[in-house]
PDB file of N, CA and C in Angstrom:
ATOM      1  N   MET A   1    -101.317 -53.471  55.620  1.00  0.00           N
ATOM      2  CA  MET A   1    -100.523 -53.118  54.469  1.00  0.00           C
ATOM      3  C   MET A   1    -100.636 -54.217  53.410  1.00  0.00           C
ATOM      4  N   TYR A   2    -100.285 -53.839  52.218  1.00  0.00           N
ATOM      5  CA  TYR A   2    -100.314 -54.765  51.097  1.00  0.00           C
ATOM      6  C   TYR A   2     -98.896 -55.172  50.717  1.00  0.00           C
ATOM      7  N   LEU A   3     -98.762 -56.385  50.198  1.00  0.00           N
ATOM      8  CA  LEU A   3     -97.483 -56.901  49.747  1.00  0.00           C
ATOM      9  C   LEU A   3     -97.587 -57.228  48.271  1.00  0.00           C
ATOM     10  N   HIS A   4     -96.696 -56.644  47.460  1.00  0.00           N
ATOM     11  CA  HIS A   4     -96.661 -56.921  46.023  1.00  0.00           C
ATOM     12  C   HIS A   4     -95.920 -58.234  45.817  1.00  0.00           C
ATOM     13  N   ILE A   5     -96.572 -59.199  45.144  1.00  0.00           N
ATOM     14  CA  ILE A   5     -95.955 -60.515  44.959  1.00  0.00           C
ATOM     15  C   ILE A   5     -95.678 -60.830  43.493  1.00  0.00           C
ATOM     16  N   GLY A   6     -95.829 -59.841  42.614  1.00  0.00           N
ATOM     17  CA  GLY A   6     -95.519 -60.033  41.205  1.00  0.00           C
ATOM     18  C   GLY A   6     -96.728 -59.965  40.312  1.00  0.00           C
ATOM     19  N   GLN A   7     -96.492 -59.636  39.041  1.00  0.00           N
ATOM     20  CA  GLN A   7     -97.527 -59.580  38.006  1.00  0.00           C
ATOM     21  C   GLN A   7     -98.758 -58.765  38.433  1.00  0.00           C
ATOM     22  N   ASN A   8     -98.515 -57.588  38.977  1.00  0.00           N
ATOM     23  CA  ASN A   8     -99.587 -56.683  39.395  1.00  0.00           C
ATOM     24  C   ASN A   8    -100.521 -57.310  40.416  1.00  0.00           C
ATOM     25  N   THR A   9    -100.002 -58.204  41.244  1.00  0.00           N
ATOM     26  CA  THR A   9    -100.791 -58.863  42.282  1.00  0.00           C
ATOM     27  C   THR A   9    -100.315 -58.401  43.649  1.00  0.00           C
ATOM     28  N   THR A  10    -101.243 -57.980  44.467  1.00  0.00           N
ATOM     29  CA  THR A  10    -100.943 -57.615  45.843  1.00  0.00           C
ATOM     30  C   THR A  10    -101.877 -58.385  46.763  1.00  0.00           C
ATOM     31  N   ILE A  11    -101.364 -58.672  47.961  1.00  0.00           N
ATOM     32  CA  ILE A  11    -102.178 -59.352  48.962  1.00  0.00           C
ATOM     33  C   ILE A  11    -102.025 -58.615  50.287  1.00  0.00           C
ATOM     34  N   LEU A  12    -103.009 -58.781  51.145  1.00  0.00           N
ATOM     35  CA  LEU A  12    -102.927 -58.184  52.472  1.00  0.00           C
ATOM     36  C   LEU A  12    -101.855 -58.895  53.285  1.00  0.00           C
ATOM     37  N   SER A  13    -100.971 -58.133  53.894  1.00  0.00           N
ATOM     38  CA  SER A  13     -99.887 -58.729  54.681  1.00  0.00           C
ATOM     39  C   SER A  13    -100.430 -59.575  55.823  1.00  0.00           C
ATOM     40  N   LYS A  14    -101.523 -59.141  56.431  1.00  0.00           N
ATOM     41  CA  LYS A  14    -102.066 -59.878  57.576  1.00  0.00           C
ATOM     42  C   LYS A  14    -102.689 -61.219  57.174  1.00  0.00           C
ATOM     43  N   SER A  15    -102.916 -61.443  55.879  1.00  0.00           N
ATOM     44  CA  SER A  15    -103.481 -62.723  55.436  1.00  0.00           C
ATOM     45  C   SER A  15    -102.409 -63.793  55.238  1.00  0.00           C
ATOM     46  N   ILE A  16    -101.121 -63.419  55.289  1.00  0.00           N
ATOM     47  CA  ILE A  16    -100.026 -64.350  55.030  1.00  0.00           C
ATOM     48  C   ILE A  16     -99.819 -65.273  56.230  1.00  0.00           C
ATOM     49  N   ILE A  17     -99.862 -66.568  55.961  1.00  0.00           N
ATOM     50  CA  ILE A  17     -99.565 -67.574  56.974  1.00  0.00           C
ATOM     51  C   ILE A  17     -98.088 -67.952  56.900  1.00  0.00           C
ATOM     52  N   GLY A  18     -97.549 -68.054  55.677  1.00  0.00           N
ATOM     53  CA  GLY A  18     -96.150 -68.419  55.522  1.00  0.00           C
ATOM     54  C   GLY A  18     -95.615 -68.100  54.151  1.00  0.00           C
ATOM     55  N   ILE A  19     -94.305 -67.871  54.079  1.00  0.00           N
ATOM     56  CA  ILE A  19     -93.592 -67.636  52.827  1.00  0.00           C
ATOM     57  C   ILE A  19     -92.502 -68.697  52.745  1.00  0.00           C
ATOM     58  N   PHE A  20     -92.466 -69.426  51.624  1.00  0.00           N
ATOM     59  CA  PHE A  20     -91.576 -70.575  51.515  1.00  0.00           C
ATOM     60  C   PHE A  20     -90.780 -70.543  50.215  1.00  0.00           C
ATOM     61  N   ASP A  21     -89.522 -70.953  50.294  1.00  0.00           N
ATOM     62  CA  ASP A  21     -88.680 -71.119  49.124  1.00  0.00           C
ATOM     63  C   ASP A  21     -89.080 -72.417  48.443  1.00  0.00           C
ATOM     64  N   LEU A  22     -89.424 -72.349  47.188  1.00  0.00           N
ATOM     65  CA  LEU A  22     -89.941 -73.518  46.481  1.00  0.00           C
ATOM     66  C   LEU A  22     -88.873 -74.593  46.282  1.00  0.00           C
ATOM     67  N   ASP A  23     -87.629 -74.200  46.001  1.00  0.00           N
ATOM     68  CA  ASP A  23     -86.566 -75.187  45.781  1.00  0.00           C
ATOM     69  C   ASP A  23     -86.291 -76.025  47.025  1.00  0.00           C
ATOM     70  N   HIS A  24     -86.203 -75.362  48.167  1.00  0.00           N
ATOM     71  CA  HIS A  24     -85.878 -76.079  49.400  1.00  0.00           C
ATOM     72  C   HIS A  24     -87.065 -76.850  49.967  1.00  0.00           C
ATOM     73  N   SER A  25     -88.223 -76.244  49.964  1.00  0.00           N
ATOM     74  CA  SER A  25     -89.368 -76.897  50.604  1.00  0.00           C
ATOM     75  C   SER A  25     -89.986 -77.991  49.738  1.00  0.00           C
ATOM     76  N   SER A  26     -89.848 -77.901  48.417  1.00  0.00           N
ATOM     77  CA  SER A  26     -90.456 -78.923  47.561  1.00  0.00           C
ATOM     78  C   SER A  26     -89.665 -80.226  47.547  1.00  0.00           C
ATOM     79  N   SER A  27     -88.532 -80.262  48.217  1.00  0.00           N
ATOM     80  CA  SER A  27     -87.801 -81.521  48.333  1.00  0.00           C
ATOM     81  C   SER A  27     -88.484 -82.464  49.320  1.00  0.00           C
ATOM     82  N   SER A  28     -89.374 -81.935  50.137  1.00  0.00           N
ATOM     83  CA  SER A  28     -90.126 -82.747  51.087  1.00  0.00           C
ATOM     84  C   SER A  28     -91.377 -83.324  50.422  1.00  0.00           C
ATOM     85  N   LYS A  29     -91.602 -84.607  50.618  1.00  0.00           N
ATOM     86  CA  LYS A  29     -92.775 -85.257  50.047  1.00  0.00           C
ATOM     87  C   LYS A  29     -94.059 -84.663  50.630  1.00  0.00           C
ATOM     88  N   ILE A  30     -94.038 -84.305  51.887  1.00  0.00           N
ATOM     89  CA  ILE A  30     -95.222 -83.728  52.530  1.00  0.00           C
ATOM     90  C   ILE A  30     -95.609 -82.418  51.853  1.00  0.00           C
ATOM     91  N   THR A  31     -94.619 -81.575  51.567  1.00  0.00           N
ATOM     92  CA  THR A  31     -94.893 -80.302  50.901  1.00  0.00           C
ATOM     93  C   THR A  31     -95.399 -80.521  49.484  1.00  0.00           C
ATOM     94  N   ARG A  32     -94.770 -81.438  48.756  1.00  0.00           N
ATOM     95  CA  ARG A  32     -95.234 -81.735  47.396  1.00  0.00           C
ATOM     96  C   ARG A  32     -96.669 -82.243  47.407  1.00  0.00           C
ATOM     97  N   ASP A  33     -96.994 -83.118  48.351  1.00  0.00           N
ATOM     98  CA  ASP A  33     -98.366 -83.625  48.466  1.00  0.00           C
ATOM     99  C   ASP A  33     -99.339 -82.510  48.815  1.00  0.00           C
ATOM    100  N   PHE A  34     -98.933 -81.625  49.739  1.00  0.00           N
ATOM    101  CA  PHE A  34     -99.778 -80.492  50.122  1.00  0.00           C
ATOM    102  C   PHE A  34    -100.079 -79.611  48.916  1.00  0.00           C
ATOM    103  N   LEU A  35     -99.048 -79.259  48.144  1.00  0.00           N
ATOM    104  CA  LEU A  35     -99.239 -78.398  46.979  1.00  0.00           C
ATOM    105  C   LEU A  35    -100.098 -79.084  45.911  1.00  0.00           C
ATOM    106  N   ARG A  36     -99.897 -80.375  45.712  1.00  0.00           N
ATOM    107  CA  ARG A  36    -100.692 -81.124  44.737  1.00  0.00           C
ATOM    108  C   ARG A  36    -102.170 -81.137  45.141  1.00  0.00           C
ATOM    109  N   ILE A  37    -102.454 -81.390  46.411  1.00  0.00           N
ATOM    110  CA  ILE A  37    -103.840 -81.412  46.902  1.00  0.00           C
ATOM    111  C   ILE A  37    -104.478 -80.039  46.764  1.00  0.00           C
ATOM    112  N   GLN A  38    -103.729 -78.987  47.115  1.00  0.00           N
ATOM    113  CA  GLN A  38    -104.270 -77.628  47.007  1.00  0.00           C
ATOM    114  C   GLN A  38    -104.546 -77.261  45.550  1.00  0.00           C
ATOM    115  N   GLU A  39    -103.698 -77.749  44.648  1.00  0.00           N
ATOM    116  CA  GLU A  39    -103.918 -77.488  43.227  1.00  0.00           C
ATOM    117  C   GLU A  39    -105.176 -78.204  42.738  1.00  0.00           C
ATOM    118  N   GLN A  40    -105.389 -79.423  43.194  1.00  0.00           N
ATOM    119  CA  GLN A  40    -106.596 -80.161  42.827  1.00  0.00           C
ATOM    120  C   GLN A  40    -107.867 -79.472  43.344  1.00  0.00           C
ATOM    121  N   LYS A  41    -107.734 -78.768  44.457  1.00  0.00           N
ATOM    122  CA  LYS A  41    -108.869 -78.033  45.036  1.00  0.00           C
ATOM    123  C   LYS A  41    -108.989 -76.623  44.459  1.00  0.00           C
ATOM    124  N   HIS A  42    -108.172 -76.315  43.442  1.00  0.00           N
ATOM    125  CA  HIS A  42    -108.178 -75.011  42.754  1.00  0.00           C
ATOM    126  C   HIS A  42    -107.872 -73.860  43.715  1.00  0.00           C
ATOM    127  N   ARG A  43    -106.943 -74.084  44.609  1.00  0.00           N
ATOM    128  CA  ARG A  43    -106.543 -73.053  45.569  1.00  0.00           C
ATOM    129  C   ARG A  43    -105.179 -72.450  45.239  1.00  0.00           C
ATOM    130  N   VAL A  44    -104.544 -72.935  44.167  1.00  0.00           N
ATOM    131  CA  VAL A  44    -103.215 -72.444  43.789  1.00  0.00           C
ATOM    132  C   VAL A  44    -103.365 -71.399  42.696  1.00  0.00           C
ATOM    133  N   ILE A  45    -102.742 -70.239  42.918  1.00  0.00           N
ATOM    134  CA  ILE A  45    -102.774 -69.144  41.965  1.00  0.00           C
ATOM    135  C   ILE A  45    -101.332 -68.852  41.550  1.00  0.00           C
ATOM    136  N   ASN A  46    -101.060 -68.997  40.265  1.00  0.00           N
ATOM    137  CA  ASN A  46     -99.716 -68.760  39.746  1.00  0.00           C
ATOM    138  C   ASN A  46     -99.642 -67.329  39.228  1.00  0.00           C
ATOM    139  N   VAL A  47     -98.822 -66.501  39.884  1.00  0.00           N
ATOM    140  CA  VAL A  47     -98.636 -65.115  39.449  1.00  0.00           C
ATOM    141  C   VAL A  47     -97.245 -64.928  38.849  1.00  0.00           C
ATOM    142  N   SER A  48     -96.735 -65.987  38.241  1.00  0.00           N
ATOM    143  CA  SER A  48     -95.387 -65.981  37.699  1.00  0.00           C
ATOM    144  C   SER A  48     -95.411 -66.309  36.216  1.00  0.00           C
ATOM    145  N   ASP A  49     -94.686 -65.530  35.425  1.00  0.00           N
ATOM    146  CA  ASP A  49     -94.513 -65.860  34.009  1.00  0.00           C
ATOM    147  C   ASP A  49     -93.398 -66.887  33.830  1.00  0.00           C
ATOM    148  N   ASP A  50     -92.415 -66.840  34.712  1.00  0.00           N
ATOM    149  CA  ASP A  50     -91.284 -67.763  34.667  1.00  0.00           C
ATOM    150  C   ASP A  50     -91.516 -68.888  35.668  1.00  0.00           C
ATOM    151  N   LEU A  51     -90.472 -69.674  35.879  1.00  0.00           N
ATOM    152  CA  LEU A  51     -90.553 -70.705  36.904  1.00  0.00           C
ATOM    153  C   LEU A  51     -90.702 -70.043  38.273  1.00  0.00           C
ATOM    154  N   PRO A  52     -91.654 -70.492  39.077  1.00  0.00           N
ATOM    155  CA  PRO A  52     -91.819 -69.884  40.404  1.00  0.00           C
ATOM    156  C   PRO A  52     -90.635 -70.208  41.310  1.00  0.00           C
ATOM    157  N   ARG A  53     -90.286 -69.245  42.152  1.00  0.00           N
ATOM    158  CA  ARG A  53     -89.175 -69.417  43.086  1.00  0.00           C
ATOM    159  C   ARG A  53     -89.658 -69.602  44.516  1.00  0.00           C
ATOM    160  N   SER A  54     -90.866 -69.151  44.794  1.00  0.00           N
ATOM    161  CA  SER A  54     -91.378 -69.262  46.152  1.00  0.00           C
ATOM    162  C   SER A  54     -92.898 -69.367  46.123  1.00  0.00           C
ATOM    163  N   PHE A  55     -93.464 -69.700  47.273  1.00  0.00           N
ATOM    164  CA  PHE A  55     -94.910 -69.713  47.384  1.00  0.00           C
ATOM    165  C   PHE A  55     -95.330 -69.170  48.732  1.00  0.00           C
ATOM    166  N   LEU A  56     -96.519 -68.596  48.753  1.00  0.00           N
ATOM    167  CA  LEU A  56     -97.093 -68.034  49.965  1.00  0.00           C
ATOM    168  C   LEU A  56     -98.373 -68.782  50.283  1.00  0.00           C
ATOM    169  N   ILE A  57     -98.580 -69.057  51.537  1.00  0.00           N
ATOM    170  CA  ILE A  57     -99.844 -69.616  51.997  1.00  0.00           C
ATOM    171  C   ILE A  57    -100.576 -68.486  52.691  1.00  0.00           C
ATOM    172  N   CYS A  58    -101.798 -68.214  52.236  1.00  0.00           N
ATOM    173  CA  CYS A  58    -102.585 -67.119  52.773  1.00  0.00           C
ATOM    174  C   CYS A  58    -103.973 -67.607  53.158  1.00  0.00           C
ATOM    175  N   GLU A  59    -104.572 -66.935  54.118  1.00  0.00           N
ATOM    176  CA  GLU A  59    -105.967 -67.187  54.456  1.00  0.00           C
ATOM    177  C   GLU A  59    -106.751 -65.946  54.047  1.00  0.00           C
ATOM    178  N   GLU A  60    -107.633 -66.145  53.076  1.00  0.00           N
ATOM    179  CA  GLU A  60    -108.433 -65.041  52.555  1.00  0.00           C
ATOM    180  C   GLU A  60    -109.893 -65.435  52.569  1.00  0.00           C
ATOM    181  N   GLN A  61    -110.680 -64.640  53.234  1.00  0.00           N
ATOM    182  CA  GLN A  61    -112.129 -64.857  53.317  1.00  0.00           C
ATOM    183  C   GLN A  61    -112.446 -66.256  53.821  1.00  0.00           C
ATOM    184  N   GLY A  62    -111.692 -66.711  54.805  1.00  0.00           N
ATOM    185  CA  GLY A  62    -111.946 -67.993  55.435  1.00  0.00           C
ATOM    186  C   GLY A  62    -111.443 -69.211  54.685  1.00  0.00           C
ATOM    187  N   SER A  63    -110.755 -69.032  53.560  1.00  0.00           N
ATOM    188  CA  SER A  63    -110.222 -70.193  52.838  1.00  0.00           C
ATOM    189  C   SER A  63    -108.734 -69.990  52.550  1.00  0.00           C
ATOM    190  N   ILE A  64    -108.069 -71.105  52.319  1.00  0.00           N
ATOM    191  CA  ILE A  64    -106.632 -71.090  52.061  1.00  0.00           C
ATOM    192  C   ILE A  64    -106.392 -70.819  50.575  1.00  0.00           C
ATOM    193  N   ARG A  65    -105.402 -69.978  50.278  1.00  0.00           N
ATOM    194  CA  ARG A  65    -104.938 -69.715  48.922  1.00  0.00           C
ATOM    195  C   ARG A  65    -103.422 -69.872  48.917  1.00  0.00           C
ATOM    196  N   ILE A  66    -102.930 -70.461  47.841  1.00  0.00           N
ATOM    197  CA  ILE A  66    -101.493 -70.625  47.658  1.00  0.00           C
ATOM    198  C   ILE A  66    -101.100 -69.789  46.442  1.00  0.00           C
ATOM    199  N   TYR A  67    -100.146 -68.894  46.615  1.00  0.00           N
ATOM    200  CA  TYR A  67     -99.663 -68.059  45.515  1.00  0.00           C
ATOM    201  C   TYR A  67     -98.258 -68.507  45.139  1.00  0.00           C
ATOM    202  N   LEU A  68     -98.060 -68.846  43.867  1.00  0.00           N
ATOM    203  CA  LEU A  68     -96.737 -69.149  43.333  1.00  0.00           C
ATOM    204  C   LEU A  68     -96.197 -67.882  42.687  1.00  0.00           C
ATOM    205  N   THR A  69     -94.975 -67.507  43.025  1.00  0.00           N
ATOM    206  CA  THR A  69     -94.407 -66.274  42.503  1.00  0.00           C
ATOM    207  C   THR A  69     -92.943 -66.467  42.117  1.00  0.00           C
ATOM    208  N   GLN A  70     -92.496 -65.659  41.178  1.00  0.00           N
ATOM    209  CA  GLN A  70     -91.100 -65.721  40.747  1.00  0.00           C
ATOM    210  C   GLN A  70     -90.191 -64.895  41.646  1.00  0.00           C
ATOM    211  N   ILE A  71     -90.764 -64.185  42.601  1.00  0.00           N
ATOM    212  CA  ILE A  71     -89.965 -63.386  43.541  1.00  0.00           C
ATOM    213  C   ILE A  71     -89.435 -64.307  44.634  1.00  0.00           C
ATOM    214  N   SER A  72     -88.174 -64.128  44.990  1.00  0.00           N
ATOM    215  CA  SER A  72     -87.560 -65.010  45.988  1.00  0.00           C
ATOM    216  C   SER A  72     -88.199 -64.804  47.363  1.00  0.00           C
ATOM    217  N   SER A  73     -88.130 -65.838  48.177  1.00  0.00           N
ATOM    218  CA  SER A  73     -88.708 -65.769  49.514  1.00  0.00           C
ATOM    219  C   SER A  73     -88.012 -64.718  50.373  1.00  0.00           C
ATOM    220  N   SER A  74     -86.701 -64.540  50.194  1.00  0.00           N
ATOM    221  CA  SER A  74     -85.983 -63.530  50.982  1.00  0.00           C
ATOM    222  C   SER A  74     -86.432 -62.116  50.611  1.00  0.00           C
ATOM    223  N   THR A  75     -86.683 -61.874  49.333  1.00  0.00           N
ATOM    224  CA  THR A  75     -87.188 -60.562  48.912  1.00  0.00           C
ATOM    225  C   THR A  75     -88.584 -60.321  49.469  1.00  0.00           C
ATOM    226  N   LEU A  76     -89.428 -61.336  49.410  1.00  0.00           N
ATOM    227  CA  LEU A  76     -90.781 -61.198  49.953  1.00  0.00           C
ATOM    228  C   LEU A  76     -90.751 -60.935  51.461  1.00  0.00           C
ATOM    229  N   LEU A  77     -89.852 -61.615  52.161  1.00  0.00           N
ATOM    230  CA  LEU A  77     -89.730 -61.389  53.609  1.00  0.00           C
ATOM    231  C   LEU A  77     -89.275 -59.966  53.906  1.00  0.00           C
ATOM    232  N   ARG A  78     -88.328 -59.438  53.121  1.00  0.00           N
ATOM    233  CA  ARG A  78     -87.887 -58.051  53.323  1.00  0.00           C
ATOM    234  C   ARG A  78     -89.028 -57.082  53.055  1.00  0.00           C
ATOM    235  N   ARG A  79     -89.784 -57.318  51.986  1.00  0.00           N
ATOM    236  CA  ARG A  79     -90.918 -56.445  51.676  1.00  0.00           C
ATOM    237  C   ARG A  79     -91.964 -56.495  52.774  1.00  0.00           C
ATOM    238  N   ALA A  80     -92.222 -57.688  53.295  1.00  0.00           N
ATOM    239  CA  ALA A  80     -93.221 -57.843  54.352  1.00  0.00           C
ATOM    240  C   ALA A  80     -92.776 -57.152  55.644  1.00  0.00           C
ATOM    241  N   ALA A  81     -91.477 -57.154  55.904  1.00  0.00           N
ATOM    242  CA  ALA A  81     -90.950 -56.518  57.125  1.00  0.00           C
ATOM    243  C   ALA A  81     -91.077 -55.008  57.051  1.00  0.00           C
ATOM    244  N   VAL A  82     -90.988 -54.456  55.855  1.00  0.00           N
ATOM    245  CA  VAL A  82     -91.078 -53.008  55.667  1.00  0.00           C
ATOM    246  C   VAL A  82     -92.521 -52.534  55.801  1.00  0.00           C
ATOM    247  N   SER A  83     -93.456 -53.348  55.318  1.00  0.00           N
ATOM    248  CA  SER A  83     -94.858 -52.911  55.344  1.00  0.00           C
ATOM    249  C   SER A  83     -95.505 -53.071  56.687  1.00  0.00           C
TER     250      SER A  83
END
């Protein structure tokens, strides 16, 4: 199944490794460093017009992709549970 993550973007549900709340998880230095490194490697895709509220870590075609979205992590989890 596919999961809509905002701005006409959908991803395969089976490619999702994790869904994280950006406010809570970015307080950790390890998470901030991880996101910074992934951005430097051009693996971060921002699908948000506003400030992102959550991020997803996905494995697509053998590589890691990070999606920043304005949809809350709880909403994404509910959508993923339905699909």
